[in-house]
Amino acid sequence: MSTIETLQKLRDDSFRALRGEPVTLRPRQVVRRMDKMPPRLRKTNTFREAYVVNAALGRCRPAAANRHMAMLRDAHLKADTLYEYASFEAMLKEHLDGLEFGKHGFRERSLDDTDPKAVYASIQELIAVLRDLGYECFANSGTLLGLVRDGKLIPYDDDIDLAVLLKSTRDGAAASEFIALKQALCDRGLDCHMIKSGNPIIKLPSIDGFEVDLFPAYGAYSRYSIFPYARRTLHYGDVWPLQTCAVSGLPLPANPEVLLAENYGEDWRVPNQRFSFPWGPQKEKFSILMKEFSNGQ
């Protein structure tokens, strides 16, 4: 049996296991084996479907599974067969008993399961602490996307994103200021910490079990940055003065559409549950900030 035929059989067995049919399958072992397969196989839709199913069955590698879902969606979009991707996504939802997965892990709840007014109020409490420390912040990334595009939190989202306007204009100073801000928040009694990945992101106290990420925004007027999606590509006027969201009461940037295009691309208005952020290239752009941040901790 050829390698392609072996992969096809693995994919078929995985689908049978997902449907609850009797088949001998050890999903976590399969995923480890698939991680070692050659690139030419990893680029196929057969590989991506098999990988996603086994990761879901084994409750492992959620971020990798989400990336493969994103690549699978892109491949079908280019081939004008997006209906096949939608069918695969529907099959997953049907047989995973409400379990969802995304870039942050496996979950049985999303922001759609919360009381939005209570969430907005809790976010405002965090913003009030930052403001008392002399800092303004605004809805960012996925939270901003939902409020601007949909007029609400994204139903399938699983965290809350904010950005804080630092006073610094350069990377080194911004890194030091961000570290000092985390300590100041802790001194105010907030249970917060830096993200374990080493990225300059402060984990604020969770809201109803959902993580709250705080990102740094800083820079000169015509070369403004927001980690990790805009490296000196914004104007300060795209952010300031802040405006108030009519739906949530949360602060929004002056030109949110500009920020969303930087973060998600020009097609940000088209919902894409499997959007996968290009962390590698973007972290390279912020290499100085990350180096100074790492040295300062």
C-alpha atoms as a PDB file:
ATOM      1  CA  MET A   1       0.000   0.000   0.000  1.00  0.00           C
ATOM      2  CA  SER A   2       1.404   3.418  -0.969  1.00  0.00           C
ATOM      3  CA  THR A   3       1.934   6.233   1.510  1.00  0.00           C
ATOM      4  CA  ILE A   4      -1.025   8.138   0.036  1.00  0.00           C
ATOM      5  CA  GLU A   5      -3.221   5.052   0.372  1.00  0.00           C
ATOM      6  CA  THR A   6      -2.064   4.598   3.975  1.00  0.00           C
ATOM      7  CA  LEU A   7      -2.967   8.203   4.755  1.00  0.00           C
ATOM      8  CA  GLN A   8      -6.359   7.805   3.091  1.00  0.00           C
ATOM      9  CA  LYS A   9      -7.090   4.700   5.186  1.00  0.00           C
ATOM     10  CA  LEU A  10      -6.024   6.563   8.318  1.00  0.00           C
ATOM     11  CA  ARG A  11      -8.393   9.384   7.435  1.00  0.00           C
ATOM     12  CA  ASP A  12     -11.258   6.942   6.794  1.00  0.00           C
ATOM     13  CA  ASP A  13     -10.637   5.099  10.084  1.00  0.00           C
ATOM     14  CA  SER A  14     -10.560   8.435  11.892  1.00  0.00           C
ATOM     15  CA  PHE A  15     -13.935   9.404  10.467  1.00  0.00           C
ATOM     16  CA  ARG A  16     -15.362   6.034  11.526  1.00  0.00           C
ATOM     17  CA  ALA A  17     -14.041   6.530  15.063  1.00  0.00           C
ATOM     18  CA  LEU A  18     -15.548  10.027  15.166  1.00  0.00           C
ATOM     19  CA  ARG A  19     -18.939   8.567  14.219  1.00  0.00           C
ATOM     20  CA  GLY A  20     -18.613   6.004  17.020  1.00  0.00           C
ATOM     21  CA  GLU A  21     -18.091   2.999  14.802  1.00  0.00           C
ATOM     22  CA  PRO A  22     -15.928   0.133  16.106  1.00  0.00           C
ATOM     23  CA  VAL A  23     -12.366   0.747  14.984  1.00  0.00           C
ATOM     24  CA  THR A  24      -8.989   0.397  16.679  1.00  0.00           C
ATOM     25  CA  LEU A  25      -7.511   3.870  16.874  1.00  0.00           C
ATOM     26  CA  ARG A  26      -5.191   5.571  19.353  1.00  0.00           C
ATOM     27  CA  PRO A  27      -5.663   9.244  18.433  1.00  0.00           C
ATOM     28  CA  ARG A  28      -2.758  10.705  20.394  1.00  0.00           C
ATOM     29  CA  GLN A  29      -0.347   8.178  18.942  1.00  0.00           C
ATOM     30  CA  VAL A  30      -1.725   8.894  15.487  1.00  0.00           C
ATOM     31  CA  VAL A  31      -1.131  12.635  15.935  1.00  0.00           C
ATOM     32  CA  ARG A  32       2.463  12.041  17.029  1.00  0.00           C
ATOM     33  CA  ARG A  33       2.972   9.826  13.992  1.00  0.00           C
ATOM     34  CA  MET A  34       1.443  12.406  11.689  1.00  0.00           C
ATOM     35  CA  ASP A  35       3.733  15.106  13.067  1.00  0.00           C
ATOM     36  CA  LYS A  36       6.626  13.187  11.473  1.00  0.00           C
ATOM     37  CA  MET A  37       5.067  12.744   8.037  1.00  0.00           C
ATOM     38  CA  PRO A  38       6.794  14.450   5.063  1.00  0.00           C
ATOM     39  CA  PRO A  39       5.740  17.965   3.999  1.00  0.00           C
ATOM     40  CA  ARG A  40       4.231  16.756   0.722  1.00  0.00           C
ATOM     41  CA  LEU A  41       1.641  14.779   2.704  1.00  0.00           C
ATOM     42  CA  ARG A  42       1.074  17.474   5.311  1.00  0.00           C
ATOM     43  CA  LYS A  43      -0.087  19.847   2.570  1.00  0.00           C
ATOM     44  CA  THR A  44      -2.968  17.600   1.518  1.00  0.00           C
ATOM     45  CA  ASN A  45      -6.576  17.976   2.624  1.00  0.00           C
ATOM     46  CA  THR A  46      -6.596  14.279   3.505  1.00  0.00           C
ATOM     47  CA  PHE A  47      -3.812  14.866   6.037  1.00  0.00           C
ATOM     48  CA  ARG A  48      -5.471  17.958   7.478  1.00  0.00           C
ATOM     49  CA  GLU A  49      -8.813  16.249   8.001  1.00  0.00           C
ATOM     50  CA  ALA A  50      -7.223  13.191   9.605  1.00  0.00           C
ATOM     51  CA  TYR A  51      -5.058  15.356  11.859  1.00  0.00           C
ATOM     52  CA  VAL A  52      -7.984  17.468  13.050  1.00  0.00           C
ATOM     53  CA  VAL A  53     -10.187  14.475  13.801  1.00  0.00           C
ATOM     54  CA  ASN A  54      -7.484  12.651  15.772  1.00  0.00           C
ATOM     55  CA  ALA A  55      -6.515  15.790  17.696  1.00  0.00           C
ATOM     56  CA  ALA A  56     -10.163  16.286  18.619  1.00  0.00           C
ATOM     57  CA  LEU A  57     -10.681  12.642  19.611  1.00  0.00           C
ATOM     58  CA  GLY A  58      -7.467  12.646  21.647  1.00  0.00           C
ATOM     59  CA  ARG A  59      -8.084  16.104  23.170  1.00  0.00           C
ATOM     60  CA  CYS A  60      -4.571  17.151  22.151  1.00  0.00           C
ATOM     61  CA  ARG A  61      -2.797  19.738  19.976  1.00  0.00           C
ATOM     62  CA  PRO A  62      -5.770  22.153  19.743  1.00  0.00           C
ATOM     63  CA  ALA A  63      -3.729  25.052  18.334  1.00  0.00           C
ATOM     64  CA  ALA A  64      -2.196  22.819  15.652  1.00  0.00           C
ATOM     65  CA  ALA A  65      -5.618  21.400  14.822  1.00  0.00           C
ATOM     66  CA  ASN A  66      -6.976  24.924  14.483  1.00  0.00           C
ATOM     67  CA  ARG A  67      -4.127  25.828  12.089  1.00  0.00           C
ATOM     68  CA  HIS A  68      -4.894  22.784   9.960  1.00  0.00           C
ATOM     69  CA  MET A  69      -8.552  23.805   9.920  1.00  0.00           C
ATOM     70  CA  ALA A  70      -7.515  27.264   8.737  1.00  0.00           C
ATOM     71  CA  MET A  71      -5.353  25.786   5.966  1.00  0.00           C
ATOM     72  CA  LEU A  72      -8.137  23.383   5.010  1.00  0.00           C
ATOM     73  CA  ARG A  73     -10.578  26.280   4.734  1.00  0.00           C
ATOM     74  CA  ASP A  74      -8.132  28.304   2.626  1.00  0.00           C
ATOM     75  CA  ALA A  75      -7.558  25.358   0.294  1.00  0.00           C
ATOM     76  CA  HIS A  76     -11.289  24.868  -0.252  1.00  0.00           C
ATOM     77  CA  LEU A  77     -11.789  28.593  -0.690  1.00  0.00           C
ATOM     78  CA  LYS A  78      -9.194  28.672  -3.467  1.00  0.00           C
ATOM     79  CA  ALA A  79     -10.740  25.587  -5.096  1.00  0.00           C
ATOM     80  CA  ASP A  80     -14.249  27.081  -4.832  1.00  0.00           C
ATOM     81  CA  THR A  81     -15.345  24.064  -2.764  1.00  0.00           C
ATOM     82  CA  LEU A  82     -16.035  25.839   0.509  1.00  0.00           C
ATOM     83  CA  TYR A  83     -19.199  23.754   0.855  1.00  0.00           C
ATOM     84  CA  GLU A  84     -16.969  20.703   1.449  1.00  0.00           C
ATOM     85  CA  TYR A  85     -15.198  22.509   4.276  1.00  0.00           C
ATOM     86  CA  ALA A  86     -18.564  23.535   5.762  1.00  0.00           C
ATOM     87  CA  SER A  87     -19.687  19.892   5.635  1.00  0.00           C
ATOM     88  CA  PHE A  88     -16.530  18.785   7.475  1.00  0.00           C
ATOM     89  CA  GLU A  89     -16.972  21.478  10.129  1.00  0.00           C
ATOM     90  CA  ALA A  90     -20.613  20.442  10.592  1.00  0.00           C
ATOM     91  CA  MET A  91     -19.624  16.788  10.982  1.00  0.00           C
ATOM     92  CA  LEU A  92     -17.156  17.716  13.726  1.00  0.00           C
ATOM     93  CA  LYS A  93     -19.778  19.685  15.630  1.00  0.00           C
ATOM     94  CA  GLU A  94     -22.306  16.886  15.273  1.00  0.00           C
ATOM     95  CA  HIS A  95     -20.068  14.191  16.751  1.00  0.00           C
ATOM     96  CA  LEU A  96     -18.028  16.094  19.360  1.00  0.00           C
ATOM     97  CA  ASP A  97     -20.985  16.575  21.744  1.00  0.00           C
ATOM     98  CA  GLY A  98     -20.600  20.320  22.052  1.00  0.00           C
ATOM     99  CA  LEU A  99     -16.827  20.264  22.452  1.00  0.00           C
ATOM    100  CA  GLU A 100     -15.129  23.065  20.525  1.00  0.00           C
ATOM    101  CA  PHE A 101     -11.493  23.793  19.891  1.00  0.00           C
ATOM    102  CA  GLY A 102      -9.514  26.802  18.811  1.00  0.00           C
ATOM    103  CA  LYS A 103      -6.165  28.501  19.203  1.00  0.00           C
ATOM    104  CA  HIS A 104      -6.516  28.539  23.011  1.00  0.00           C
ATOM    105  CA  GLY A 105      -7.536  24.934  23.560  1.00  0.00           C
ATOM    106  CA  PHE A 106     -10.582  22.698  23.914  1.00  0.00           C
ATOM    107  CA  ARG A 107     -13.691  24.158  25.507  1.00  0.00           C
ATOM    108  CA  GLU A 108     -17.353  23.475  26.107  1.00  0.00           C
ATOM    109  CA  ARG A 109     -18.264  27.156  26.514  1.00  0.00           C
ATOM    110  CA  SER A 110     -17.823  30.261  24.408  1.00  0.00           C
ATOM    111  CA  LEU A 111     -18.628  33.916  24.944  1.00  0.00           C
ATOM    112  CA  ASP A 112     -22.026  33.186  23.423  1.00  0.00           C
ATOM    113  CA  ASP A 113     -22.857  31.397  26.695  1.00  0.00           C
ATOM    114  CA  THR A 114     -22.334  34.504  28.847  1.00  0.00           C
ATOM    115  CA  ASP A 115     -24.455  37.494  29.818  1.00  0.00           C
ATOM    116  CA  PRO A 116     -22.883  40.206  27.611  1.00  0.00           C
ATOM    117  CA  LYS A 117     -23.948  43.042  29.893  1.00  0.00           C
ATOM    118  CA  ALA A 118     -22.200  41.369  32.825  1.00  0.00           C
ATOM    119  CA  VAL A 119     -19.080  40.812  30.699  1.00  0.00           C
ATOM    120  CA  TYR A 120     -19.034  44.450  29.569  1.00  0.00           C
ATOM    121  CA  ALA A 121     -19.424  45.614  33.156  1.00  0.00           C
ATOM    122  CA  SER A 122     -16.517  43.438  34.312  1.00  0.00           C
ATOM    123  CA  ILE A 123     -14.330  44.761  31.484  1.00  0.00           C
ATOM    124  CA  GLN A 124     -15.195  48.304  32.543  1.00  0.00           C
ATOM    125  CA  GLU A 125     -13.974  47.497  36.062  1.00  0.00           C
ATOM    126  CA  LEU A 126     -10.587  46.454  34.671  1.00  0.00           C
ATOM    127  CA  ILE A 127     -10.464  49.556  32.495  1.00  0.00           C
ATOM    128  CA  ALA A 128     -11.201  51.706  35.559  1.00  0.00           C
ATOM    129  CA  VAL A 129      -8.151  50.292  37.342  1.00  0.00           C
ATOM    130  CA  LEU A 130      -5.941  51.007  34.340  1.00  0.00           C
ATOM    131  CA  ARG A 131      -7.363  54.520  34.056  1.00  0.00           C
ATOM    132  CA  ASP A 132      -6.691  55.114  37.741  1.00  0.00           C
ATOM    133  CA  LEU A 133      -3.067  54.208  37.025  1.00  0.00           C
ATOM    134  CA  GLY A 134      -3.002  56.823  34.250  1.00  0.00           C
ATOM    135  CA  TYR A 135      -3.589  54.525  31.277  1.00  0.00           C
ATOM    136  CA  GLU A 136      -6.305  54.444  28.651  1.00  0.00           C
ATOM    137  CA  CYS A 137      -7.148  51.189  26.896  1.00  0.00           C
ATOM    138  CA  PHE A 138      -9.555  49.988  24.234  1.00  0.00           C
ATOM    139  CA  ALA A 139     -11.213  46.875  22.832  1.00  0.00           C
ATOM    140  CA  ASN A 140      -8.714  45.068  20.630  1.00  0.00           C
ATOM    141  CA  SER A 141      -8.396  42.125  18.220  1.00  0.00           C
ATOM    142  CA  GLY A 142     -11.272  39.632  18.484  1.00  0.00           C
ATOM    143  CA  THR A 143     -13.258  41.750  20.937  1.00  0.00           C
ATOM    144  CA  LEU A 144     -12.966  44.767  18.651  1.00  0.00           C
ATOM    145  CA  LEU A 145     -13.823  42.639  15.614  1.00  0.00           C
ATOM    146  CA  GLY A 146     -17.040  41.398  17.176  1.00  0.00           C
ATOM    147  CA  LEU A 147     -18.210  44.809  18.373  1.00  0.00           C
ATOM    148  CA  VAL A 148     -17.508  46.528  15.046  1.00  0.00           C
ATOM    149  CA  ARG A 149     -18.543  43.799  12.614  1.00  0.00           C
ATOM    150  CA  ASP A 150     -21.361  42.094  14.515  1.00  0.00           C
ATOM    151  CA  GLY A 151     -22.380  44.616  17.164  1.00  0.00           C
ATOM    152  CA  LYS A 152     -21.648  42.039  19.885  1.00  0.00           C
ATOM    153  CA  LEU A 153     -18.998  39.664  21.158  1.00  0.00           C
ATOM    154  CA  ILE A 154     -18.080  36.988  18.621  1.00  0.00           C
ATOM    155  CA  PRO A 155     -20.251  33.981  19.559  1.00  0.00           C
ATOM    156  CA  TYR A 156     -17.485  31.389  19.087  1.00  0.00           C
ATOM    157  CA  ASP A 157     -14.717  33.465  20.698  1.00  0.00           C
ATOM    158  CA  ASP A 158     -13.132  32.250  23.925  1.00  0.00           C
ATOM    159  CA  ASP A 159     -11.244  35.243  25.312  1.00  0.00           C
ATOM    160  CA  ILE A 160     -11.352  39.024  25.660  1.00  0.00           C
ATOM    161  CA  ASP A 161      -8.745  41.320  24.116  1.00  0.00           C
ATOM    162  CA  LEU A 162      -7.740  44.820  25.225  1.00  0.00           C
ATOM    163  CA  ALA A 163      -4.876  47.129  24.281  1.00  0.00           C
ATOM    164  CA  VAL A 164      -3.303  49.737  26.540  1.00  0.00           C
ATOM    165  CA  LEU A 165      -1.837  53.009  25.295  1.00  0.00           C
ATOM    166  CA  LEU A 166       1.653  53.226  26.717  1.00  0.00           C
ATOM    167  CA  LYS A 167       3.465  56.537  27.020  1.00  0.00           C
ATOM    168  CA  SER A 168       6.646  55.188  25.424  1.00  0.00           C
ATOM    169  CA  THR A 169       7.559  55.711  21.796  1.00  0.00           C
ATOM    170  CA  ARG A 170      10.379  53.160  21.416  1.00  0.00           C
ATOM    171  CA  ASP A 171      10.567  49.400  21.840  1.00  0.00           C
ATOM    172  CA  GLY A 172      12.954  49.275  24.786  1.00  0.00           C
ATOM    173  CA  ALA A 173      11.072  51.865  26.806  1.00  0.00           C
ATOM    174  CA  ALA A 174       7.747  50.248  25.918  1.00  0.00           C
ATOM    175  CA  ALA A 175       8.976  46.870  27.161  1.00  0.00           C
ATOM    176  CA  SER A 176      10.102  48.359  30.483  1.00  0.00           C
ATOM    177  CA  GLU A 177       6.888  50.343  30.890  1.00  0.00           C
ATOM    178  CA  PHE A 178       4.739  47.295  30.151  1.00  0.00           C
ATOM    179  CA  ILE A 179       6.582  45.224  32.761  1.00  0.00           C
ATOM    180  CA  ALA A 180       6.173  48.028  35.286  1.00  0.00           C
ATOM    181  CA  LEU A 181       2.475  48.247  34.465  1.00  0.00           C
ATOM    182  CA  LYS A 182       2.004  44.575  35.248  1.00  0.00           C
ATOM    183  CA  GLN A 183       3.579  45.101  38.654  1.00  0.00           C
ATOM    184  CA  ALA A 184       1.427  48.173  39.275  1.00  0.00           C
ATOM    185  CA  LEU A 185      -1.684  46.153  38.488  1.00  0.00           C
ATOM    186  CA  CYS A 186      -0.574  43.436  40.901  1.00  0.00           C
ATOM    187  CA  ASP A 187       0.054  46.091  43.564  1.00  0.00           C
ATOM    188  CA  ARG A 188      -3.559  47.185  43.104  1.00  0.00           C
ATOM    189  CA  GLY A 189      -4.659  43.686  44.017  1.00  0.00           C
ATOM    190  CA  LEU A 190      -5.337  42.333  40.540  1.00  0.00           C
ATOM    191  CA  ASP A 191      -4.300  38.728  39.987  1.00  0.00           C
ATOM    192  CA  CYS A 192      -2.421  39.131  36.712  1.00  0.00           C
ATOM    193  CA  HIS A 193       0.723  37.750  35.110  1.00  0.00           C
ATOM    194  CA  MET A 194       2.670  37.716  31.878  1.00  0.00           C
ATOM    195  CA  ILE A 195       1.691  35.092  29.317  1.00  0.00           C
ATOM    196  CA  LYS A 196       3.841  31.943  29.513  1.00  0.00           C
ATOM    197  CA  SER A 197       4.786  32.028  25.828  1.00  0.00           C
ATOM    198  CA  GLY A 198       7.142  34.937  26.450  1.00  0.00           C
ATOM    199  CA  ASN A 199       5.075  37.351  24.371  1.00  0.00           C
ATOM    200  CA  PRO A 200       4.501  40.804  25.884  1.00  0.00           C
ATOM    201  CA  ILE A 201       0.897  40.126  26.880  1.00  0.00           C
ATOM    202  CA  ILE A 202      -0.525  40.643  30.362  1.00  0.00           C
ATOM    203  CA  LYS A 203      -3.105  38.136  31.524  1.00  0.00           C
ATOM    204  CA  LEU A 204      -5.660  40.164  33.479  1.00  0.00           C
ATOM    205  CA  PRO A 205      -8.131  38.497  35.876  1.00  0.00           C
ATOM    206  CA  SER A 206     -10.508  36.256  33.949  1.00  0.00           C
ATOM    207  CA  ILE A 207     -14.151  37.161  33.464  1.00  0.00           C
ATOM    208  CA  ASP A 208     -16.681  34.370  33.973  1.00  0.00           C
ATOM    209  CA  GLY A 209     -13.916  31.866  33.256  1.00  0.00           C
ATOM    210  CA  PHE A 210     -12.694  33.572  30.073  1.00  0.00           C
ATOM    211  CA  GLU A 211      -9.143  34.896  29.799  1.00  0.00           C
ATOM    212  CA  VAL A 212      -8.503  38.613  29.344  1.00  0.00           C
ATOM    213  CA  ASP A 213      -5.385  39.585  27.347  1.00  0.00           C
ATOM    214  CA  LEU A 214      -3.842  43.049  27.510  1.00  0.00           C
ATOM    215  CA  PHE A 215      -1.589  44.059  24.588  1.00  0.00           C
ATOM    216  CA  PRO A 216       0.821  47.035  24.416  1.00  0.00           C
ATOM    217  CA  ALA A 217       0.233  49.942  22.024  1.00  0.00           C
ATOM    218  CA  TYR A 218       3.007  52.502  21.639  1.00  0.00           C
ATOM    219  CA  GLY A 219       5.097  54.561  19.224  1.00  0.00           C
ATOM    220  CA  ALA A 220       5.471  57.821  17.368  1.00  0.00           C
ATOM    221  CA  TYR A 221       2.552  59.634  15.779  1.00  0.00           C
ATOM    222  CA  SER A 222       3.101  58.448  12.207  1.00  0.00           C
ATOM    223  CA  ARG A 223       4.691  55.083  13.081  1.00  0.00           C
ATOM    224  CA  TYR A 224       2.443  53.636  15.738  1.00  0.00           C
ATOM    225  CA  SER A 225       2.539  49.984  16.840  1.00  0.00           C
ATOM    226  CA  ILE A 226       0.174  47.529  18.486  1.00  0.00           C
ATOM    227  CA  PHE A 227       1.685  44.155  19.357  1.00  0.00           C
ATOM    228  CA  PRO A 228       1.579  41.775  17.561  1.00  0.00           C
ATOM    229  CA  TYR A 229      -0.240  42.817  14.385  1.00  0.00           C
ATOM    230  CA  ALA A 230       0.844  46.388  13.571  1.00  0.00           C
ATOM    231  CA  ARG A 231       4.547  47.221  13.601  1.00  0.00           C
ATOM    232  CA  ARG A 232       4.892  50.972  12.940  1.00  0.00           C
ATOM    233  CA  THR A 233       2.130  50.768  10.315  1.00  0.00           C
ATOM    234  CA  LEU A 234      -0.506  52.845  12.112  1.00  0.00           C
ATOM    235  CA  HIS A 235      -0.953  56.526  12.818  1.00  0.00           C
ATOM    236  CA  TYR A 236      -1.631  57.579  16.385  1.00  0.00           C
ATOM    237  CA  GLY A 237      -4.770  59.186  14.946  1.00  0.00           C
ATOM    238  CA  ASP A 238      -6.048  55.724  14.028  1.00  0.00           C
ATOM    239  CA  VAL A 239      -6.278  55.032  17.748  1.00  0.00           C
ATOM    240  CA  TRP A 240      -6.786  58.395  19.442  1.00  0.00           C
ATOM    241  CA  PRO A 241      -9.131  59.955  20.411  1.00  0.00           C
ATOM    242  CA  LEU A 242     -10.984  56.921  21.697  1.00  0.00           C
ATOM    243  CA  GLN A 243     -14.701  56.636  21.072  1.00  0.00           C
ATOM    244  CA  THR A 244     -17.401  54.842  23.040  1.00  0.00           C
ATOM    245  CA  CYS A 245     -19.107  51.756  21.633  1.00  0.00           C
ATOM    246  CA  ALA A 246     -22.858  52.326  21.520  1.00  0.00           C
ATOM    247  CA  VAL A 247     -23.559  48.645  22.210  1.00  0.00           C
ATOM    248  CA  SER A 248     -21.114  47.783  24.983  1.00  0.00           C
ATOM    249  CA  GLY A 249     -20.032  51.145  26.377  1.00  0.00           C
ATOM    250  CA  LEU A 250     -16.422  50.042  25.926  1.00  0.00           C
ATOM    251  CA  PRO A 251     -13.752  52.351  24.507  1.00  0.00           C
ATOM    252  CA  LEU A 252     -12.910  51.771  20.843  1.00  0.00           C
ATOM    253  CA  PRO A 253     -10.091  53.200  18.703  1.00  0.00           C
ATOM    254  CA  ALA A 254     -10.816  56.219  16.515  1.00  0.00           C
ATOM    255  CA  ASN A 255     -10.590  54.218  13.265  1.00  0.00           C
ATOM    256  CA  PRO A 256     -11.261  50.581  14.190  1.00  0.00           C
ATOM    257  CA  GLU A 257     -11.521  49.496  10.555  1.00  0.00           C
ATOM    258  CA  VAL A 258      -7.854  50.361  10.017  1.00  0.00           C
ATOM    259  CA  LEU A 259      -6.770  48.242  12.987  1.00  0.00           C
ATOM    260  CA  LEU A 260      -8.961  45.322  11.933  1.00  0.00           C
ATOM    261  CA  ALA A 261      -7.521  45.343   8.416  1.00  0.00           C
ATOM    262  CA  GLU A 262      -4.005  45.260   9.890  1.00  0.00           C
ATOM    263  CA  ASN A 263      -4.926  42.385  12.199  1.00  0.00           C
ATOM    264  CA  TYR A 264      -7.169  40.216  10.017  1.00  0.00           C
ATOM    265  CA  GLY A 265      -6.596  41.388   6.461  1.00  0.00           C
ATOM    266  CA  GLU A 266      -8.839  43.315   4.106  1.00  0.00           C
ATOM    267  CA  ASP A 267     -11.520  40.607   4.276  1.00  0.00           C
ATOM    268  CA  TRP A 268     -12.021  41.060   8.034  1.00  0.00           C
ATOM    269  CA  ARG A 269     -15.753  41.598   7.493  1.00  0.00           C
ATOM    270  CA  VAL A 270     -16.144  37.962   6.388  1.00  0.00           C
ATOM    271  CA  PRO A 271     -16.550  35.711   9.485  1.00  0.00           C
ATOM    272  CA  ASN A 272     -13.832  33.068   9.750  1.00  0.00           C
ATOM    273  CA  GLN A 273     -13.962  30.967  12.902  1.00  0.00           C
ATOM    274  CA  ARG A 274     -10.649  29.325  11.985  1.00  0.00           C
ATOM    275  CA  PHE A 275      -8.606  32.470  11.415  1.00  0.00           C
ATOM    276  CA  SER A 276      -4.981  31.665  12.269  1.00  0.00           C
ATOM    277  CA  PHE A 277      -2.732  34.594  13.143  1.00  0.00           C
ATOM    278  CA  PRO A 278       0.767  34.474  11.537  1.00  0.00           C
ATOM    279  CA  TRP A 279       2.692  34.647  14.808  1.00  0.00           C
ATOM    280  CA  GLY A 280       6.102  33.743  13.351  1.00  0.00           C
ATOM    281  CA  PRO A 281       6.487  36.586  10.851  1.00  0.00           C
ATOM    282  CA  GLN A 282       4.846  39.109  13.144  1.00  0.00           C
ATOM    283  CA  LYS A 283       7.093  38.273  16.094  1.00  0.00           C
ATOM    284  CA  GLU A 284      10.080  38.810  13.821  1.00  0.00           C
ATOM    285  CA  LYS A 285       8.851  42.346  13.179  1.00  0.00           C
ATOM    286  CA  PHE A 286       8.685  42.935  16.937  1.00  0.00           C
ATOM    287  CA  SER A 287      12.034  41.277  17.669  1.00  0.00           C
ATOM    288  CA  ILE A 288      13.485  44.327  19.430  1.00  0.00           C
ATOM    289  CA  LEU A 289      10.455  44.707  21.682  1.00  0.00           C
ATOM    290  CA  MET A 290      10.499  41.010  22.525  1.00  0.00           C
ATOM    291  CA  LYS A 291      14.233  40.994  23.235  1.00  0.00           C
ATOM    292  CA  GLU A 292      13.980  44.003  25.550  1.00  0.00           C
ATOM    293  CA  PHE A 293      10.904  42.496  27.178  1.00  0.00           C
ATOM    294  CA  SER A 294      12.691  39.189  27.784  1.00  0.00           C
ATOM    295  CA  ASN A 295      15.762  40.924  29.212  1.00  0.00           C
ATOM    296  CA  GLY A 296      13.682  43.119  31.497  1.00  0.00           C
ATOM    297  CA  GLN A 297      11.698  40.387  33.227  1.00  0.00           C
END
